[in-house]
N, C-alpha and C. Protein backbone atom coordinates (compact mmCIF):
# COMPACT_ATOMS: atom_id res chain seq x y z
N MET A 1 0.95 -1.19 -0.01
CA MET A 1 -0.10 0.11 -0.02
C MET A 1 1.03 1.23 -0.06
N ASP A 2 0.61 2.25 -0.85
CA ASP A 2 1.43 3.42 -0.90
C ASP A 2 1.01 4.48 0.19
N PHE A 3 1.89 5.27 0.53
CA PHE A 3 1.62 6.29 1.54
C PHE A 3 0.44 6.83 1.47
N ARG A 4 0.26 7.69 0.40
CA ARG A 4 -1.14 8.26 0.11
C ARG A 4 -2.25 7.61 0.54
N THR A 5 -2.33 6.42 0.35
CA THR A 5 -3.44 5.40 0.52
C THR A 5 -3.77 5.38 2.11
N MET A 6 -2.26 5.17 2.73
CA MET A 6 -2.28 4.88 4.16
C MET A 6 -2.66 6.21 4.98
N ILE A 7 -2.42 7.21 4.43
CA ILE A 7 -2.69 8.85 5.17
C ILE A 7 -3.97 9.18 4.96
N LYS A 8 -4.56 8.76 3.83
CA LYS A 8 -5.81 9.49 3.25
C LYS A 8 -6.85 9.92 4.44
N ASP A 9 -7.04 8.90 5.13
CA ASP A 9 -8.14 9.03 6.29
C ASP A 9 -7.68 10.18 7.29
N TYR A 10 -6.59 10.34 7.28
CA TYR A 10 -5.94 11.29 8.54
C TYR A 10 -5.50 12.84 8.02
N SER A 11 -5.74 12.92 6.59
CA SER A 11 -4.97 14.22 6.14
C SER A 11 -5.56 15.47 6.55
N GLU A 12 -6.95 15.44 7.21
CA GLU A 12 -7.76 16.68 7.35
C GLU A 12 -7.56 17.33 8.83
N ALA A 13 -6.45 16.72 9.48
CA ALA A 13 -5.82 17.19 10.59
C ALA A 13 -4.35 17.05 10.80
N PRO A 14 -3.73 17.77 11.47
CA PRO A 14 -2.40 17.85 11.70
C PRO A 14 -1.88 16.08 12.29
N ILE A 15 -0.87 15.76 11.73
CA ILE A 15 -0.64 14.11 12.00
C ILE A 15 0.68 14.11 12.87
N SER A 16 0.62 13.20 13.78
CA SER A 16 1.67 13.03 14.80
C SER A 16 2.88 12.25 14.09
N ARG A 17 3.86 12.35 14.54
CA ARG A 17 5.02 11.51 14.07
C ARG A 17 4.51 10.00 14.58
N HIS A 18 4.02 9.88 15.78
CA HIS A 18 3.79 8.55 16.30
C HIS A 18 2.75 7.89 15.25
N LEU A 19 1.82 8.57 14.79
CA LEU A 19 0.76 7.86 13.96
C LEU A 19 1.70 7.42 12.68
N ILE A 20 2.48 8.32 12.18
CA ILE A 20 3.04 8.02 11.05
C ILE A 20 4.00 6.87 11.01
N LEU A 21 4.51 6.84 12.20
CA LEU A 21 5.44 5.47 12.45
C LEU A 21 4.55 4.17 12.51
N GLU A 22 3.52 4.52 13.25
CA GLU A 22 2.50 3.18 13.05
C GLU A 22 2.20 2.83 11.68
N LEU A 23 1.86 3.90 10.68
CA LEU A 23 1.50 3.34 9.56
C LEU A 23 2.59 2.94 8.65
N LEU A 24 3.79 3.27 9.14
CA LEU A 24 5.01 2.82 8.33
C LEU A 24 5.77 1.75 9.00
N SER A 25 4.87 1.14 9.89
CA SER A 25 5.57 -0.23 10.66
C SER A 25 6.18 -1.34 9.87
N ASP A 26 5.53 -1.44 8.77
CA ASP A 26 6.06 -2.53 7.98
C ASP A 26 7.50 -2.06 7.11
N TYR A 27 7.76 -0.89 7.15
CA TYR A 27 9.05 -0.43 6.49
C TYR A 27 10.26 -0.84 7.38
N ARG A 28 11.41 -1.08 6.62
CA ARG A 28 12.38 -1.58 7.61
C ARG A 28 13.01 -0.45 8.53
N SER A 29 12.87 0.82 7.62
CA SER A 29 13.54 1.99 8.40
C SER A 29 12.54 3.20 8.22
N PRO A 30 11.26 3.17 9.04
CA PRO A 30 10.25 4.09 8.94
C PRO A 30 10.94 5.71 8.95
N ASN A 31 11.83 5.72 9.83
CA ASN A 31 12.47 7.25 9.92
C ASN A 31 12.93 8.00 8.67
N ASP A 32 13.61 6.62 8.09
CA ASP A 32 14.27 7.06 6.51
C ASP A 32 13.12 7.46 5.70
N LYS A 33 12.18 6.67 5.85
CA LYS A 33 10.71 7.14 4.86
C LYS A 33 10.33 8.48 5.14
N ILE A 34 10.27 8.73 6.60
CA ILE A 34 9.46 10.21 6.72
C ILE A 34 10.55 11.14 6.16
N SER A 35 11.83 10.99 6.40
CA SER A 35 12.99 11.97 5.85
C SER A 35 12.38 12.11 4.18
N GLU A 36 12.24 10.90 3.57
CA GLU A 36 12.27 10.99 2.02
C GLU A 36 10.87 11.80 1.74
N LEU A 37 9.71 11.58 2.56
CA LEU A 37 8.52 12.25 2.33
C LEU A 37 8.66 13.69 2.59
N LEU A 38 9.55 14.32 3.48
CA LEU A 38 9.71 15.45 3.87
C LEU A 38 10.50 16.13 2.72
N LYS A 39 11.37 15.49 2.23
CA LYS A 39 12.16 15.93 1.15
C LYS A 39 11.42 16.08 -0.17
N SER A 40 10.51 15.33 -0.41
CA SER A 40 9.55 15.30 -1.57
C SER A 40 8.41 16.20 -1.27
N LYS A 41 8.15 16.76 -0.17
CA LYS A 41 7.22 17.58 0.12
C LYS A 41 5.82 16.85 0.13
N GLU A 42 5.88 15.71 0.32
CA GLU A 42 4.71 14.82 0.33
C GLU A 42 4.06 15.10 1.75
N LEU A 43 5.01 15.28 2.78
CA LEU A 43 4.73 15.73 4.03
C LEU A 43 5.46 17.05 4.34
N ILE A 44 4.62 17.95 5.21
CA ILE A 44 5.19 19.07 5.70
C ILE A 44 5.39 19.19 7.17
N SER A 45 6.46 19.55 7.61
CA SER A 45 6.85 19.52 9.38
C SER A 45 6.26 21.04 9.70
N ILE A 46 5.39 21.06 10.63
CA ILE A 46 4.82 22.19 11.12
C ILE A 46 5.34 22.57 12.45
N ARG A 47 5.83 21.55 13.22
CA ARG A 47 6.87 21.75 14.22
C ARG A 47 7.32 20.31 14.63
N ARG A 48 8.13 20.26 15.65
CA ARG A 48 8.82 18.91 15.69
C ARG A 48 7.74 17.96 16.05
N GLY A 49 7.69 16.91 15.33
CA GLY A 49 6.74 15.75 15.76
C GLY A 49 5.32 15.96 15.08
N LEU A 50 5.04 17.14 14.34
CA LEU A 50 3.68 17.24 13.83
C LEU A 50 3.80 17.62 12.32
N TYR A 51 2.89 17.19 11.57
CA TYR A 51 2.97 17.38 9.98
C TYR A 51 1.60 17.44 9.57
N ILE A 52 1.62 17.94 8.30
CA ILE A 52 0.45 17.89 7.44
C ILE A 52 0.85 17.37 6.12
N THR A 53 -0.03 16.80 5.31
CA THR A 53 0.16 16.35 3.91
C THR A 53 0.57 17.49 3.01
N GLY A 54 1.41 17.40 2.11
CA GLY A 54 1.79 18.41 1.24
C GLY A 54 1.07 18.61 0.05
N PRO A 55 0.81 19.50 -0.78
CA PRO A 55 0.16 19.60 -1.92
C PRO A 55 0.38 18.51 -2.97
N LYS A 56 1.66 18.14 -2.92
CA LYS A 56 1.77 16.91 -4.04
C LYS A 56 0.82 15.67 -3.66
N MET A 57 0.35 15.56 -2.51
CA MET A 57 -0.62 14.47 -1.91
C MET A 57 -1.77 14.62 -2.71
N ASP A 58 -2.34 15.88 -2.95
CA ASP A 58 -3.61 16.00 -3.64
C ASP A 58 -4.78 15.43 -2.63
N LEU A 59 -4.57 15.65 -1.26
CA LEU A 59 -5.61 15.37 -0.34
C LEU A 59 -6.07 16.42 0.43
N PRO A 60 -7.28 16.36 1.02
CA PRO A 60 -7.93 17.61 2.00
C PRO A 60 -7.11 17.77 3.02
N SER A 61 -6.57 19.19 3.16
CA SER A 61 -5.52 19.52 4.32
C SER A 61 -6.37 20.26 5.46
N PRO A 62 -6.08 20.33 6.49
CA PRO A 62 -6.58 20.98 7.63
C PRO A 62 -6.71 22.52 7.44
N GLU A 63 -7.74 23.26 8.03
CA GLU A 63 -7.86 24.58 8.01
C GLU A 63 -6.85 25.30 8.86
N PRO A 64 -6.36 26.35 8.77
CA PRO A 64 -5.56 27.14 9.53
C PRO A 64 -5.73 27.08 10.91
N PHE A 65 -7.05 27.37 11.20
CA PHE A 65 -7.48 27.46 12.53
C PHE A 65 -7.35 26.02 13.24
N LEU A 66 -7.71 25.00 12.56
CA LEU A 66 -7.39 23.65 13.09
C LEU A 66 -5.96 23.50 13.55
N ILE A 67 -5.00 23.71 12.42
CA ILE A 67 -3.65 23.68 12.68
C ILE A 67 -3.31 24.43 13.96
N ALA A 68 -3.92 25.61 14.21
CA ALA A 68 -3.50 26.28 15.33
C ALA A 68 -3.85 25.66 16.62
N ASN A 69 -5.20 25.04 16.49
CA ASN A 69 -5.40 24.31 17.76
C ASN A 69 -4.60 23.33 18.11
N HIS A 70 -3.74 22.52 17.07
CA HIS A 70 -3.10 21.40 17.36
C HIS A 70 -1.59 21.84 17.66
N LEU A 71 -1.01 22.98 17.01
CA LEU A 71 0.11 23.43 17.28
C LEU A 71 0.49 23.53 18.75
N ARG A 72 -0.22 24.06 19.29
CA ARG A 72 0.00 24.30 20.89
C ARG A 72 -1.29 24.21 21.50
N GLY A 73 -1.44 23.28 22.33
CA GLY A 73 -2.79 22.82 23.03
C GLY A 73 -2.48 22.71 24.38
N PRO A 74 -3.44 22.86 25.40
CA PRO A 74 -4.80 23.43 24.76
C PRO A 74 -4.69 25.03 24.31
N SER A 75 -5.61 25.31 23.29
CA SER A 75 -5.71 26.62 22.93
C SER A 75 -6.95 26.70 21.98
N TYR A 76 -7.30 28.11 21.94
CA TYR A 76 -8.42 28.30 20.79
C TYR A 76 -8.10 29.62 20.14
N VAL A 77 -8.60 29.65 18.80
CA VAL A 77 -8.39 31.04 18.14
C VAL A 77 -9.21 32.18 18.53
N SER A 78 -8.48 33.17 18.62
CA SER A 78 -9.05 34.32 19.18
C SER A 78 -8.64 35.66 18.71
N LEU A 79 -8.75 36.84 19.55
CA LEU A 79 -8.20 38.14 19.05
C LEU A 79 -8.59 38.56 17.44
N GLU A 80 -7.83 39.17 16.89
CA GLU A 80 -8.09 39.37 15.60
C GLU A 80 -8.63 38.51 14.65
N SER A 81 -7.90 37.16 14.80
CA SER A 81 -8.31 36.10 14.01
C SER A 81 -9.72 35.74 14.00
N ALA A 82 -10.20 35.58 15.28
CA ALA A 82 -11.77 35.31 15.44
C ALA A 82 -12.61 36.58 15.30
N LEU A 83 -12.19 37.75 15.87
CA LEU A 83 -12.94 39.05 15.22
C LEU A 83 -13.23 38.98 13.71
N SER A 84 -12.27 38.61 12.97
CA SER A 84 -12.22 38.77 11.60
C SER A 84 -13.21 37.58 11.03
N TYR A 85 -13.02 36.41 11.54
CA TYR A 85 -13.84 35.46 11.19
C TYR A 85 -15.62 35.75 11.42
N TRP A 86 -15.63 36.52 12.49
CA TRP A 86 -17.00 36.75 12.97
C TRP A 86 -17.50 38.00 12.15
N ASN A 87 -16.71 38.42 11.29
CA ASN A 87 -16.87 39.86 10.55
C ASN A 87 -17.15 40.97 11.45
N MET A 88 -16.36 41.02 12.62
CA MET A 88 -16.53 42.17 13.51
C MET A 88 -15.38 43.03 13.06
N ILE A 89 -14.49 42.83 12.37
CA ILE A 89 -13.39 43.79 11.90
C ILE A 89 -13.23 43.65 10.43
N PRO A 90 -12.93 44.77 9.60
CA PRO A 90 -12.85 44.70 8.16
C PRO A 90 -11.49 43.86 7.80
N GLU A 91 -10.57 43.83 8.56
CA GLU A 91 -9.26 43.32 8.11
C GLU A 91 -9.25 41.98 8.31
N ARG A 92 -8.59 41.18 7.31
CA ARG A 92 -7.99 39.61 7.51
C ARG A 92 -6.81 39.74 8.16
N ALA A 93 -6.64 38.81 9.37
CA ALA A 93 -5.34 38.82 10.12
C ALA A 93 -4.40 38.16 9.37
N TYR A 94 -3.23 38.70 9.21
CA TYR A 94 -1.96 37.97 8.52
C TYR A 94 -1.58 36.58 9.28
N GLU A 95 -1.73 36.70 10.67
CA GLU A 95 -1.30 35.54 11.36
C GLU A 95 -2.36 34.97 12.02
N ILE A 96 -2.41 33.73 12.28
CA ILE A 96 -3.63 33.07 13.39
C ILE A 96 -2.96 33.41 14.72
N SER A 97 -4.06 34.05 15.55
CA SER A 97 -3.89 34.49 16.96
C SER A 97 -4.73 33.67 17.65
N SER A 98 -3.98 33.17 18.74
CA SER A 98 -4.92 32.14 19.65
C SER A 98 -4.52 32.58 21.09
N VAL A 99 -5.24 31.87 21.90
CA VAL A 99 -5.11 32.10 23.62
C VAL A 99 -4.86 30.51 23.86
N THR A 100 -3.96 30.46 25.05
CA THR A 100 -3.58 29.20 25.41
C THR A 100 -3.27 29.28 26.80
N ILE A 101 -3.44 28.28 27.75
CA ILE A 101 -2.95 28.29 28.94
C ILE A 101 -1.55 27.99 29.33
N LYS A 102 -0.89 27.77 28.25
CA LYS A 102 0.71 27.60 28.27
C LYS A 102 1.31 28.83 28.18
N THR A 103 2.56 28.99 28.15
CA THR A 103 3.27 30.36 27.79
C THR A 103 3.00 30.81 26.53
N SER A 104 3.32 32.07 26.40
CA SER A 104 3.04 32.74 24.87
C SER A 104 4.24 32.07 24.21
N LYS A 105 3.85 32.03 22.82
CA LYS A 105 4.88 31.63 21.81
C LYS A 105 4.44 31.95 20.36
N ILE A 106 5.54 31.93 19.53
CA ILE A 106 5.13 32.13 18.13
C ILE A 106 5.86 31.12 17.26
N TYR A 107 4.87 30.63 16.51
CA TYR A 107 5.46 29.66 15.35
C TYR A 107 5.50 30.02 14.06
N LYS A 108 6.61 30.03 13.23
CA LYS A 108 6.70 30.41 12.05
C LYS A 108 6.78 29.01 11.26
N THR A 109 5.71 28.97 10.41
CA THR A 109 5.75 27.38 9.82
C THR A 109 5.82 27.69 8.36
N PRO A 110 5.76 26.57 7.39
CA PRO A 110 5.63 26.64 6.10
C PRO A 110 4.22 27.05 5.37
N VAL A 111 3.32 27.01 6.54
CA VAL A 111 1.99 27.25 6.00
C VAL A 111 1.44 28.46 6.71
N GLY A 112 2.28 29.26 7.38
CA GLY A 112 1.95 30.75 8.01
C GLY A 112 2.38 30.76 9.36
N ARG A 113 2.21 31.96 9.99
CA ARG A 113 2.71 32.24 11.37
C ARG A 113 1.57 32.06 12.20
N PHE A 114 1.69 31.56 13.52
CA PHE A 114 0.70 31.34 14.51
C PHE A 114 1.29 31.89 15.73
N SER A 115 0.40 32.66 16.52
CA SER A 115 0.89 33.34 17.73
C SER A 115 -0.07 32.98 18.87
N TYR A 116 0.59 33.01 19.94
CA TYR A 116 -0.25 32.35 21.26
C TYR A 116 -0.08 33.18 22.37
N GLN A 117 -1.02 33.58 23.05
CA GLN A 117 -0.91 34.50 24.30
C GLN A 117 -1.61 33.77 25.51
N GLN A 118 -0.98 33.72 26.54
CA GLN A 118 -1.28 33.11 27.58
C GLN A 118 -2.68 33.91 28.57
N LEU A 119 -3.33 33.12 28.88
CA LEU A 119 -4.45 33.50 29.90
C LEU A 119 -4.78 32.40 30.73
N ARG A 120 -5.17 32.53 32.02
CA ARG A 120 -5.27 31.55 32.93
C ARG A 120 -6.56 30.98 33.23
N ILE A 121 -6.85 29.82 33.71
CA ILE A 121 -7.95 29.20 34.11
C ILE A 121 -8.60 29.78 35.41
N PRO A 122 -9.81 30.09 35.76
CA PRO A 122 -10.99 29.66 34.78
C PRO A 122 -11.19 30.75 33.63
N TYR A 123 -10.88 31.95 33.59
CA TYR A 123 -11.31 32.83 32.75
C TYR A 123 -11.18 32.20 31.24
N TYR A 124 -9.87 31.65 31.06
CA TYR A 124 -9.55 30.89 29.79
C TYR A 124 -10.75 30.02 29.09
N SER A 125 -11.33 29.37 29.89
CA SER A 125 -12.35 28.34 29.65
C SER A 125 -13.61 28.94 29.12
N TYR A 126 -14.06 30.27 29.29
CA TYR A 126 -15.31 30.69 29.04
C TYR A 126 -15.20 31.18 27.52
N GLY A 127 -16.50 30.99 27.00
CA GLY A 127 -16.83 31.39 25.68
C GLY A 127 -16.08 30.88 24.39
N ILE A 128 -15.77 29.47 24.56
CA ILE A 128 -15.21 28.95 23.36
C ILE A 128 -16.08 28.19 22.62
N LYS A 129 -16.04 28.13 21.44
CA LYS A 129 -17.04 27.67 20.55
C LYS A 129 -16.45 26.40 19.83
N ASN A 130 -17.14 25.38 19.50
CA ASN A 130 -16.81 24.33 18.56
C ASN A 130 -17.34 24.77 17.19
N ILE A 131 -16.55 25.01 16.35
CA ILE A 131 -17.05 25.32 14.84
C ILE A 131 -16.84 24.11 13.85
N GLU A 132 -17.84 23.42 13.34
CA GLU A 132 -17.54 22.46 12.55
C GLU A 132 -17.46 22.87 11.07
N TYR A 133 -16.11 22.77 10.67
CA TYR A 133 -15.82 22.91 9.12
C TYR A 133 -16.07 22.15 8.28
N SER A 134 -15.87 20.85 8.70
CA SER A 134 -16.21 19.85 7.88
C SER A 134 -16.67 18.54 8.81
N ALA A 135 -16.95 17.43 8.38
CA ALA A 135 -17.22 16.17 9.04
C ALA A 135 -16.03 15.67 9.82
N LYS A 136 -14.82 16.19 9.45
CA LYS A 136 -13.55 15.68 10.21
C LYS A 136 -12.90 16.99 10.74
N GLN A 137 -13.23 17.98 10.62
CA GLN A 137 -12.81 19.15 11.30
C GLN A 137 -13.67 20.05 12.05
N THR A 138 -13.34 19.95 13.43
CA THR A 138 -13.93 20.90 14.31
C THR A 138 -12.94 21.76 15.06
N MET A 139 -13.37 23.02 15.06
CA MET A 139 -12.21 23.88 15.35
C MET A 139 -12.66 24.74 16.62
N LEU A 140 -11.76 24.88 17.55
CA LEU A 140 -12.01 25.78 18.74
C LEU A 140 -11.61 27.14 18.49
N LEU A 141 -12.97 28.01 18.69
CA LEU A 141 -12.94 29.45 18.41
C LEU A 141 -13.49 30.42 19.43
N ALA A 142 -12.78 31.46 19.87
CA ALA A 142 -13.57 32.38 20.77
C ALA A 142 -14.82 32.82 20.02
N SER A 143 -15.84 32.95 21.03
CA SER A 143 -17.17 33.67 20.67
C SER A 143 -16.82 34.86 20.16
N PRO A 144 -17.77 35.62 19.63
CA PRO A 144 -17.45 37.29 19.31
C PRO A 144 -17.23 38.21 20.65
N GLU A 145 -18.03 37.76 21.74
CA GLU A 145 -17.89 38.43 23.07
C GLU A 145 -16.50 38.03 23.60
N LYS A 146 -16.06 36.87 23.69
CA LYS A 146 -14.80 36.39 24.09
C LYS A 146 -13.61 36.93 23.39
N ALA A 147 -13.74 37.01 22.26
CA ALA A 147 -12.64 37.55 21.21
C ALA A 147 -12.32 39.00 21.58
N LEU A 148 -13.51 39.68 21.66
CA LEU A 148 -13.41 41.06 22.15
C LEU A 148 -12.69 41.38 23.36
N CYS A 149 -13.35 40.52 24.47
CA CYS A 149 -12.67 40.57 25.88
C CYS A 149 -11.41 40.30 25.66
N ASP A 150 -10.89 39.20 25.13
CA ASP A 150 -9.55 38.73 25.09
C ASP A 150 -8.44 39.98 24.29
N LYS A 151 -9.16 40.60 23.33
CA LYS A 151 -8.54 41.81 22.80
C LYS A 151 -8.14 42.88 23.84
N VAL A 152 -9.07 43.33 24.55
CA VAL A 152 -9.08 44.13 25.70
C VAL A 152 -8.17 43.66 26.61
N ILE A 153 -8.15 42.62 27.13
CA ILE A 153 -7.27 42.10 28.00
C ILE A 153 -5.85 42.00 27.65
N LEU A 154 -5.69 41.59 26.52
CA LEU A 154 -4.23 41.28 25.80
C LEU A 154 -3.53 42.28 25.22
N THR A 155 -4.09 43.41 25.05
CA THR A 155 -3.66 44.76 24.60
C THR A 155 -2.91 45.57 25.80
N PRO A 156 -1.76 45.38 25.84
CA PRO A 156 -1.08 46.04 26.97
C PRO A 156 -1.35 47.54 27.15
N THR A 157 -1.43 48.29 26.13
CA THR A 157 -1.72 49.69 26.13
C THR A 157 -3.17 49.85 26.36
N ILE A 158 -3.91 49.05 26.59
CA ILE A 158 -5.54 49.36 26.61
C ILE A 158 -5.87 49.37 28.31
N ASN A 159 -6.49 50.51 28.65
CA ASN A 159 -7.03 50.54 30.01
C ASN A 159 -8.11 51.29 29.92
N LEU A 160 -9.31 50.84 29.73
CA LEU A 160 -10.67 51.49 29.35
C LEU A 160 -11.11 52.28 30.59
N ARG A 161 -11.16 53.63 30.72
CA ARG A 161 -11.75 54.45 31.82
C ARG A 161 -12.73 55.13 31.44
N SER A 162 -13.35 55.34 30.13
CA SER A 162 -14.59 55.96 29.79
C SER A 162 -15.25 55.59 28.86
N ILE A 163 -16.38 55.85 28.44
CA ILE A 163 -17.27 55.49 27.32
C ILE A 163 -16.70 55.93 26.09
N LYS A 164 -16.16 57.31 26.05
CA LYS A 164 -15.76 57.89 24.84
C LYS A 164 -14.46 57.34 24.43
N GLN A 165 -13.54 56.96 25.35
CA GLN A 165 -12.33 56.25 25.08
C GLN A 165 -12.71 54.87 24.44
N THR A 166 -13.58 54.25 25.12
CA THR A 166 -14.07 52.76 24.74
C THR A 166 -14.45 52.87 23.21
N LYS A 167 -15.30 53.85 22.86
CA LYS A 167 -15.90 53.88 21.74
C LYS A 167 -14.80 54.09 20.61
N ASP A 168 -13.87 55.09 21.12
CA ASP A 168 -12.62 55.31 20.01
C ASP A 168 -12.12 54.07 19.84
N PHE A 169 -11.69 53.29 20.82
CA PHE A 169 -10.99 51.88 20.63
C PHE A 169 -11.72 51.07 19.90
N LEU A 170 -13.00 50.91 19.94
CA LEU A 170 -13.80 49.80 19.25
C LEU A 170 -14.03 50.59 17.62
N MET A 171 -14.31 51.69 17.48
CA MET A 171 -14.83 52.08 16.48
C MET A 171 -13.85 52.64 15.51
N GLU A 172 -12.78 53.55 16.04
CA GLU A 172 -11.52 54.07 15.37
C GLU A 172 -10.45 53.04 15.41
N ASP A 173 -9.88 52.48 16.40
CA ASP A 173 -8.85 51.56 16.43
C ASP A 173 -9.13 50.46 15.76
N LEU A 174 -10.42 49.69 16.16
CA LEU A 174 -10.45 48.30 15.69
C LEU A 174 -11.63 48.55 14.22
N ARG A 175 -12.07 49.70 14.24
CA ARG A 175 -13.00 49.88 13.05
C ARG A 175 -14.24 48.99 13.09
N MET A 176 -14.60 48.64 14.17
CA MET A 176 -15.93 47.85 14.31
C MET A 176 -17.31 48.69 14.04
N ASP A 177 -18.20 48.11 13.54
CA ASP A 177 -19.40 48.87 13.23
C ASP A 177 -20.47 48.83 14.48
N SER A 178 -21.05 49.93 14.72
CA SER A 178 -22.03 50.10 15.80
C SER A 178 -23.08 48.84 15.89
N GLU A 179 -23.53 48.77 14.48
CA GLU A 179 -24.60 47.78 14.48
C GLU A 179 -24.08 46.35 14.84
N VAL A 180 -22.95 45.83 14.39
CA VAL A 180 -22.34 44.65 15.10
C VAL A 180 -22.28 44.59 16.47
N LEU A 181 -21.83 45.79 17.08
CA LEU A 181 -21.37 45.92 18.27
C LEU A 181 -22.75 45.75 19.31
N SER A 182 -23.80 46.26 18.74
CA SER A 182 -25.18 46.30 19.63
C SER A 182 -25.67 44.74 19.60
N THR A 183 -25.21 43.94 18.84
CA THR A 183 -25.58 42.45 18.84
C THR A 183 -24.91 41.69 20.02
N LEU A 184 -23.75 42.24 20.50
CA LEU A 184 -23.13 41.07 21.52
C LEU A 184 -23.95 41.31 22.78
N ASP A 185 -23.69 40.13 23.40
CA ASP A 185 -24.15 39.89 24.75
C ASP A 185 -23.43 40.23 25.82
N THR A 186 -24.03 41.50 26.49
CA THR A 186 -23.42 41.87 27.53
C THR A 186 -23.37 41.03 28.92
N GLU A 187 -24.59 40.67 29.12
CA GLU A 187 -24.86 39.67 29.99
C GLU A 187 -23.88 38.45 30.39
N VAL A 188 -23.49 38.03 29.15
CA VAL A 188 -22.45 36.76 29.25
C VAL A 188 -21.11 37.41 29.54
N ILE A 189 -20.76 38.53 29.17
CA ILE A 189 -19.46 39.17 29.54
C ILE A 189 -19.46 39.47 31.11
N GLU A 190 -20.71 39.84 31.58
CA GLU A 190 -20.84 40.19 33.02
C GLU A 190 -20.54 38.92 33.92
N LEU A 191 -20.89 37.64 33.37
CA LEU A 191 -20.62 36.56 34.01
C LEU A 191 -19.19 36.13 34.15
N TRP A 192 -18.26 36.69 33.32
CA TRP A 192 -16.84 36.35 33.17
C TRP A 192 -16.14 37.26 33.90
N ILE A 193 -16.74 38.51 34.40
CA ILE A 193 -15.67 39.34 35.06
C ILE A 193 -15.11 39.07 36.33
N LYS A 194 -15.86 38.24 37.11
CA LYS A 194 -15.37 37.80 38.33
C LYS A 194 -14.05 37.08 38.47
N ASN A 195 -13.83 36.43 37.30
CA ASN A 195 -12.44 35.75 37.27
C ASN A 195 -11.58 36.25 35.89
N ALA A 196 -11.98 37.45 35.65
CA ALA A 196 -11.12 37.93 34.38
C ALA A 196 -10.22 39.13 34.74
N PRO A 197 -9.05 39.16 34.02
CA PRO A 197 -8.01 40.23 34.32
C PRO A 197 -8.73 41.32 33.94
N LYS A 198 -8.18 42.73 34.08
CA LYS A 198 -8.67 44.00 33.66
C LYS A 198 -10.22 44.13 33.92
N LYS A 199 -10.64 43.86 34.95
CA LYS A 199 -12.03 43.89 35.53
C LYS A 199 -12.67 45.22 35.24
N SER A 200 -11.89 46.29 35.53
CA SER A 200 -12.64 47.65 35.36
C SER A 200 -12.60 48.02 33.88
N SER A 201 -11.80 47.45 32.85
CA SER A 201 -11.75 47.58 31.56
C SER A 201 -13.09 46.91 30.89
N LEU A 202 -13.34 45.74 31.47
CA LEU A 202 -14.41 45.13 31.03
C LEU A 202 -15.61 45.63 31.56
N LYS A 203 -15.70 45.96 32.74
CA LYS A 203 -16.96 46.79 33.06
C LYS A 203 -17.20 48.13 32.13
N MET A 204 -15.94 48.68 31.85
CA MET A 204 -16.35 49.95 30.90
C MET A 204 -16.78 49.42 29.56
N LEU A 205 -16.22 48.44 29.20
CA LEU A 205 -16.69 47.83 27.65
C LEU A 205 -18.29 47.40 27.69
N ILE A 206 -18.67 46.80 28.91
CA ILE A 206 -20.22 46.45 29.11
C ILE A 206 -20.84 47.78 29.07
N LYS A 207 -20.51 48.72 29.88
CA LYS A 207 -21.23 50.06 29.97
C LYS A 207 -21.41 50.71 28.59
N THR A 208 -20.18 50.66 27.72
CA THR A 208 -20.12 51.25 26.55
C THR A 208 -21.02 50.42 25.54
N LEU A 209 -21.11 49.13 25.49
CA LEU A 209 -21.91 48.34 24.60
C LEU A 209 -23.32 48.44 24.76
N ILE A 210 -23.94 48.69 26.10
CA ILE A 210 -25.16 49.01 26.25
C ILE A 210 -25.52 50.37 25.84
N GLU A 211 -24.73 51.32 25.89
CA GLU A 211 -25.02 52.64 25.33
C GLU A 211 -25.22 52.49 23.82
N ILE A 212 -24.24 51.80 23.20
CA ILE A 212 -24.44 51.55 21.69
C ILE A 212 -25.71 50.85 21.41
């Protein structure tokens, strides 16, 4: 059986070295075969011990958000990447931004740049959605409310002290639309504040969203 047939059922997610070694267990030297597959770009290494299939294989490949979930876990996609996904900001993010309970880190891979910022439990675990992209791809993504709260919390220069300042941040800096902002659920944000960093900024965010 050729490698493409072996890997076909696993191509829609990042693939561990352990799984590839299992699939190649009949080979005399599976590590040499992995090196050969990397050289021919049938496999692409996205970090040590984690791979995706290359374009030469002509197989469905994992979405960037799913790659982000696997590169450093546990994590979920948030910040500008999630805000863009929910059509809350006009720009498309050039890197995939995520939140993790591990230390902050940046990965530069052949398929893009992935950044991770740290937030602690229990706040970390709020507002995470399972987004089903396909039958084999379910991605962890911040809700619109959580992505915005994460942006406020993880932007070091932001300390929201007034409604005017908050409106400027939302509508001028982030270029958000007032109609979109008016759809956000302030009650769910209220539930998170007790365990959240930057409590006063989130309280000001809620006041501003209610006024909008």
